[in-house]
């Protein structure tokens, strides 16, 4: 899975239900992914993330 430089809505990365969580959300929650940019598209907001060094 390519994780570097992907875009996601905050609803993806803010999920806290351990029985229903995507790998990207889990990696963000444990600090493996870092949000680097916020992109607004009308009423929707997307976030770009990277794997911090």
PDB file of N, CA and C in Angstrom:
ATOM      1  N   UNK A   1       0.842  -1.177   0.000  1.00  0.00           N
ATOM      2  CA  UNK A   1       0.000   0.000   0.000  1.00  0.00           C
ATOM      3  C   UNK A   1       0.888   1.241   0.000  1.00  0.00           C
ATOM      4  N   UNK A   2       0.614   2.142  -0.896  1.00  0.00           N
ATOM      5  CA  UNK A   2       1.344   3.403  -0.970  1.00  0.00           C
ATOM      6  C   UNK A   2       0.719   4.393   0.015  1.00  0.00           C
ATOM      7  N   UNK A   3       1.475   4.805   1.014  1.00  0.00           N
ATOM      8  CA  UNK A   3       0.949   5.702   2.045  1.00  0.00           C
ATOM      9  C   UNK A   3       1.455   7.124   1.898  1.00  0.00           C
ATOM     10  N   UNK A   4       2.580   7.286   1.252  1.00  0.00           N
ATOM     11  CA  UNK A   4       3.197   8.597   1.145  1.00  0.00           C
ATOM     12  C   UNK A   4       2.409   9.503   0.212  1.00  0.00           C
ATOM     13  N   UNK A   5       2.181  10.747   0.641  1.00  0.00           N
ATOM     14  CA  UNK A   5       1.599  11.798  -0.187  1.00  0.00           C
ATOM     15  C   UNK A   5       0.156  11.497  -0.611  1.00  0.00           C
ATOM     16  N   UNK A   6      -0.618  10.835   0.219  1.00  0.00           N
ATOM     17  CA  UNK A   6      -2.022  10.539  -0.081  1.00  0.00           C
ATOM     18  C   UNK A   6      -2.912  11.623   0.513  1.00  0.00           C
ATOM     19  N   UNK A   7      -4.140  11.697   0.016  1.00  0.00           N
ATOM     20  CA  UNK A   7      -5.117  12.660   0.510  1.00  0.00           C
ATOM     21  C   UNK A   7      -6.262  11.906   1.166  1.00  0.00           C
ATOM     22  N   UNK A   8      -6.804  12.472   2.252  1.00  0.00           N
ATOM     23  CA  UNK A   8      -7.936  11.855   2.944  1.00  0.00           C
ATOM     24  C   UNK A   8      -8.754  12.927   3.635  1.00  0.00           C
ATOM     25  N   UNK A   9     -10.037  12.645   3.815  1.00  0.00           N
ATOM     26  CA  UNK A   9     -10.884  13.534   4.602  1.00  0.00           C
ATOM     27  C   UNK A   9     -10.624  13.246   6.078  1.00  0.00           C
ATOM     28  N   UNK A  10     -10.880  14.229   6.926  1.00  0.00           N
ATOM     29  CA  UNK A  10     -10.645  14.054   8.353  1.00  0.00           C
ATOM     30  C   UNK A  10     -11.494  12.924   8.921  1.00  0.00           C
ATOM     31  N   UNK A  11     -12.655  12.669   8.332  1.00  0.00           N
ATOM     32  CA  UNK A  11     -13.492  11.577   8.839  1.00  0.00           C
ATOM     33  C   UNK A  11     -12.761  10.233   8.770  1.00  0.00           C
ATOM     34  N   UNK A  12     -11.854  10.080   7.802  1.00  0.00           N
ATOM     35  CA  UNK A  12     -11.092   8.832   7.708  1.00  0.00           C
ATOM     36  C   UNK A  12     -10.101   8.711   8.854  1.00  0.00           C
ATOM     37  N   UNK A  13      -9.338   9.753   9.094  1.00  0.00           N
ATOM     38  CA  UNK A  13      -8.267   9.654  10.083  1.00  0.00           C
ATOM     39  C   UNK A  13      -8.717   9.915  11.511  1.00  0.00           C
ATOM     40  N   UNK A  14      -9.955  10.366  11.708  1.00  0.00           N
ATOM     41  CA  UNK A  14     -10.415  10.650  13.066  1.00  0.00           C
ATOM     42  C   UNK A  14     -11.271   9.529  13.650  1.00  0.00           C
ATOM     43  N   UNK A  15     -11.446   8.446  12.924  1.00  0.00           N
ATOM     44  CA  UNK A  15     -12.234   7.328  13.445  1.00  0.00           C
ATOM     45  C   UNK A  15     -11.522   6.680  14.624  1.00  0.00           C
ATOM     46  N   UNK A  16     -12.279   6.379  15.675  1.00  0.00           N
ATOM     47  CA  UNK A  16     -11.680   5.798  16.875  1.00  0.00           C
ATOM     48  C   UNK A  16     -12.212   4.395  17.195  1.00  0.00           C
ATOM     49  N   UNK A  17     -13.113   3.879  16.393  1.00  0.00           N
ATOM     50  CA  UNK A  17     -13.699   2.560  16.639  1.00  0.00           C
ATOM     51  C   UNK A  17     -12.703   1.479  16.234  1.00  0.00           C
ATOM     52  N   UNK A  18     -12.124   0.769  17.198  1.00  0.00           N
ATOM     53  CA  UNK A  18     -11.096  -0.233  16.901  1.00  0.00           C
ATOM     54  C   UNK A  18     -11.642  -1.432  16.139  1.00  0.00           C
ATOM     55  N   UNK A  19     -12.949  -1.633  16.160  1.00  0.00           N
ATOM     56  CA  UNK A  19     -13.546  -2.733  15.408  1.00  0.00           C
ATOM     57  C   UNK A  19     -13.827  -2.362  13.958  1.00  0.00           C
ATOM     58  N   UNK A  20     -13.716  -1.075  13.624  1.00  0.00           N
ATOM     59  CA  UNK A  20     -13.998  -0.601  12.270  1.00  0.00           C
ATOM     60  C   UNK A  20     -13.070   0.564  11.948  1.00  0.00           C
ATOM     61  N   UNK A  21     -11.792   0.272  11.717  1.00  0.00           N
ATOM     62  CA  UNK A  21     -10.810   1.317  11.455  1.00  0.00           C
ATOM     63  C   UNK A  21      -9.948   0.912  10.261  1.00  0.00           C
ATOM     64  N   UNK A  22      -9.708   1.870   9.373  1.00  0.00           N
ATOM     65  CA  UNK A  22      -8.839   1.603   8.234  1.00  0.00           C
ATOM     66  C   UNK A  22      -7.392   1.743   8.659  1.00  0.00           C
ATOM     67  N   UNK A  23      -6.497   1.091   7.943  1.00  0.00           N
ATOM     68  CA  UNK A  23      -5.077   1.095   8.309  1.00  0.00           C
ATOM     69  C   UNK A  23      -4.506   2.517   8.315  1.00  0.00           C
ATOM     70  N   UNK A  24      -4.956   3.366   7.388  1.00  0.00           N
ATOM     71  CA  UNK A  24      -4.459   4.740   7.357  1.00  0.00           C
ATOM     72  C   UNK A  24      -4.828   5.482   8.632  1.00  0.00           C
ATOM     73  N   UNK A  25      -6.040   5.289   9.114  1.00  0.00           N
ATOM     74  CA  UNK A  25      -6.481   5.951  10.350  1.00  0.00           C
ATOM     75  C   UNK A  25      -5.683   5.448  11.547  1.00  0.00           C
ATOM     76  N   UNK A  26      -5.441   4.162  11.591  1.00  0.00           N
ATOM     77  CA  UNK A  26      -4.660   3.589  12.685  1.00  0.00           C
ATOM     78  C   UNK A  26      -3.234   4.141  12.677  1.00  0.00           C
ATOM     79  N   UNK A  27      -2.614   4.188  11.508  1.00  0.00           N
ATOM     80  CA  UNK A  27      -1.246   4.701  11.407  1.00  0.00           C
ATOM     81  C   UNK A  27      -1.176   6.179  11.787  1.00  0.00           C
ATOM     82  N   UNK A  28      -2.209   6.958  11.440  1.00  0.00           N
ATOM     83  CA  UNK A  28      -2.251   8.358  11.849  1.00  0.00           C
ATOM     84  C   UNK A  28      -2.399   8.469  13.366  1.00  0.00           C
ATOM     85  N   UNK A  29      -3.295   7.681  13.951  1.00  0.00           N
ATOM     86  CA  UNK A  29      -3.553   7.739  15.393  1.00  0.00           C
ATOM     87  C   UNK A  29      -2.313   7.390  16.212  1.00  0.00           C
ATOM     88  N   UNK A  30      -1.485   6.461  15.727  1.00  0.00           N
ATOM     89  CA  UNK A  30      -0.299   6.068  16.494  1.00  0.00           C
ATOM     90  C   UNK A  30       0.929   6.905  16.146  1.00  0.00           C
ATOM     91  N   UNK A  31       0.761   7.897  15.241  1.00  0.00           N
ATOM     92  CA  UNK A  31       1.844   8.822  14.947  1.00  0.00           C
ATOM     93  C   UNK A  31       2.743   8.422  13.799  1.00  0.00           C
ATOM     94  N   UNK A  32       2.378   7.398  13.047  1.00  0.00           N
ATOM     95  CA  UNK A  32       3.214   6.958  11.938  1.00  0.00           C
ATOM     96  C   UNK A  32       3.021   7.833  10.708  1.00  0.00           C
ATOM     97  N   UNK A  33       1.878   8.487  10.581  1.00  0.00           N
ATOM     98  CA  UNK A  33       1.609   9.417   9.482  1.00  0.00           C
ATOM     99  C   UNK A  33       1.425  10.822  10.044  1.00  0.00           C
ATOM    100  N   UNK A  34       1.872  11.826   9.309  1.00  0.00           N
ATOM    101  CA  UNK A  34       1.767  13.217   9.723  1.00  0.00           C
ATOM    102  C   UNK A  34       1.053  14.017   8.639  1.00  0.00           C
ATOM    103  N   UNK A  35       0.076  14.820   9.027  1.00  0.00           N
ATOM    104  CA  UNK A  35      -0.620  15.686   8.087  1.00  0.00           C
ATOM    105  C   UNK A  35       0.290  16.857   7.738  1.00  0.00           C
ATOM    106  N   UNK A  36       0.431  17.109   6.422  1.00  0.00           N
ATOM    107  CA  UNK A  36       1.320  18.177   5.968  1.00  0.00           C
ATOM    108  C   UNK A  36       0.592  19.312   5.277  1.00  0.00           C
ATOM    109  N   UNK A  37      -0.631  19.071   4.815  1.00  0.00           N
ATOM    110  CA  UNK A  37      -1.329  20.090   4.037  1.00  0.00           C
ATOM    111  C   UNK A  37      -2.832  19.918   4.179  1.00  0.00           C
ATOM    112  N   UNK A  38      -3.536  21.036   4.197  1.00  0.00           N
ATOM    113  CA  UNK A  38      -4.994  21.044   4.217  1.00  0.00           C
ATOM    114  C   UNK A  38      -5.480  21.627   2.889  1.00  0.00           C
ATOM    115  N   UNK A  39      -6.358  20.908   2.195  1.00  0.00           N
ATOM    116  CA  UNK A  39      -6.864  21.339   0.897  1.00  0.00           C
ATOM    117  C   UNK A  39      -8.383  21.429   0.975  1.00  0.00           C
ATOM    118  N   UNK A  40      -8.934  22.605   0.694  1.00  0.00           N
ATOM    119  CA  UNK A  40     -10.386  22.792   0.735  1.00  0.00           C
ATOM    120  C   UNK A  40     -10.944  22.672  -0.679  1.00  0.00           C
ATOM    121  N   UNK A  41     -12.044  21.921  -0.801  1.00  0.00           N
ATOM    122  CA  UNK A  41     -12.737  21.741  -2.071  1.00  0.00           C
ATOM    123  C   UNK A  41     -14.219  21.963  -1.811  1.00  0.00           C
ATOM    124  N   UNK A  42     -14.644  23.211  -1.927  1.00  0.00           N
ATOM    125  CA  UNK A  42     -16.023  23.548  -1.592  1.00  0.00           C
ATOM    126  C   UNK A  42     -16.237  23.394  -0.099  1.00  0.00           C
ATOM    127  N   UNK A  43     -17.181  22.534   0.270  1.00  0.00           N
ATOM    128  CA  UNK A  43     -17.470  22.295   1.690  1.00  0.00           C
ATOM    129  C   UNK A  43     -16.624  21.170   2.277  1.00  0.00           C
ATOM    130  N   UNK A  44     -15.848  20.514   1.465  1.00  0.00           N
ATOM    131  CA  UNK A  44     -15.041  19.382   1.939  1.00  0.00           C
ATOM    132  C   UNK A  44     -13.595  19.819   2.166  1.00  0.00           C
ATOM    133  N   UNK A  45     -12.981  19.228   3.165  1.00  0.00           N
ATOM    134  CA  UNK A  45     -11.585  19.494   3.465  1.00  0.00           C
ATOM    135  C   UNK A  45     -10.834  18.175   3.414  1.00  0.00           C
ATOM    136  N   UNK A  46      -9.718  18.185   2.705  1.00  0.00           N
ATOM    137  CA  UNK A  46      -8.873  17.009   2.587  1.00  0.00           C
ATOM    138  C   UNK A  46      -7.521  17.307   3.208  1.00  0.00           C
ATOM    139  N   UNK A  47      -6.848  16.268   3.647  1.00  0.00           N
ATOM    140  CA  UNK A  47      -5.538  16.406   4.271  1.00  0.00           C
ATOM    141  C   UNK A  47      -4.550  15.500   3.559  1.00  0.00           C
ATOM    142  N   UNK A  48      -3.369  16.043   3.287  1.00  0.00           N
ATOM    143  CA  UNK A  48      -2.287  15.262   2.692  1.00  0.00           C
ATOM    144  C   UNK A  48      -1.360  14.823   3.823  1.00  0.00           C
ATOM    145  N   UNK A  49      -0.913  13.592   3.760  1.00  0.00           N
ATOM    146  CA  UNK A  49      -0.044  13.097   4.819  1.00  0.00           C
ATOM    147  C   UNK A  49       1.249  12.549   4.261  1.00  0.00           C
ATOM    148  N   UNK A  50       2.249  12.465   5.139  1.00  0.00           N
ATOM    149  CA  UNK A  50       3.546  11.879   4.810  1.00  0.00           C
ATOM    150  C   UNK A  50       3.942  10.938   5.948  1.00  0.00           C
ATOM    151  N   UNK A  51       4.942  10.151   5.689  1.00  0.00           N
ATOM    152  CA  UNK A  51       5.570   9.332   6.730  1.00  0.00           C
ATOM    153  C   UNK A  51       6.743  10.152   7.258  1.00  0.00           C
ATOM    154  N   UNK A  52       6.692  10.597   8.509  1.00  0.00           N
ATOM    155  CA  UNK A  52       7.777  11.458   9.027  1.00  0.00           C
ATOM    156  C   UNK A  52       9.089  10.682   9.139  1.00  0.00           C
ATOM    157  N   UNK A  53      10.152  11.416   8.972  1.00  0.00           N
ATOM    158  CA  UNK A  53      11.505  10.820   9.064  1.00  0.00           C
ATOM    159  C   UNK A  53      12.033  10.976  10.463  1.00  0.00           C
TER     160      UNK A  53
END
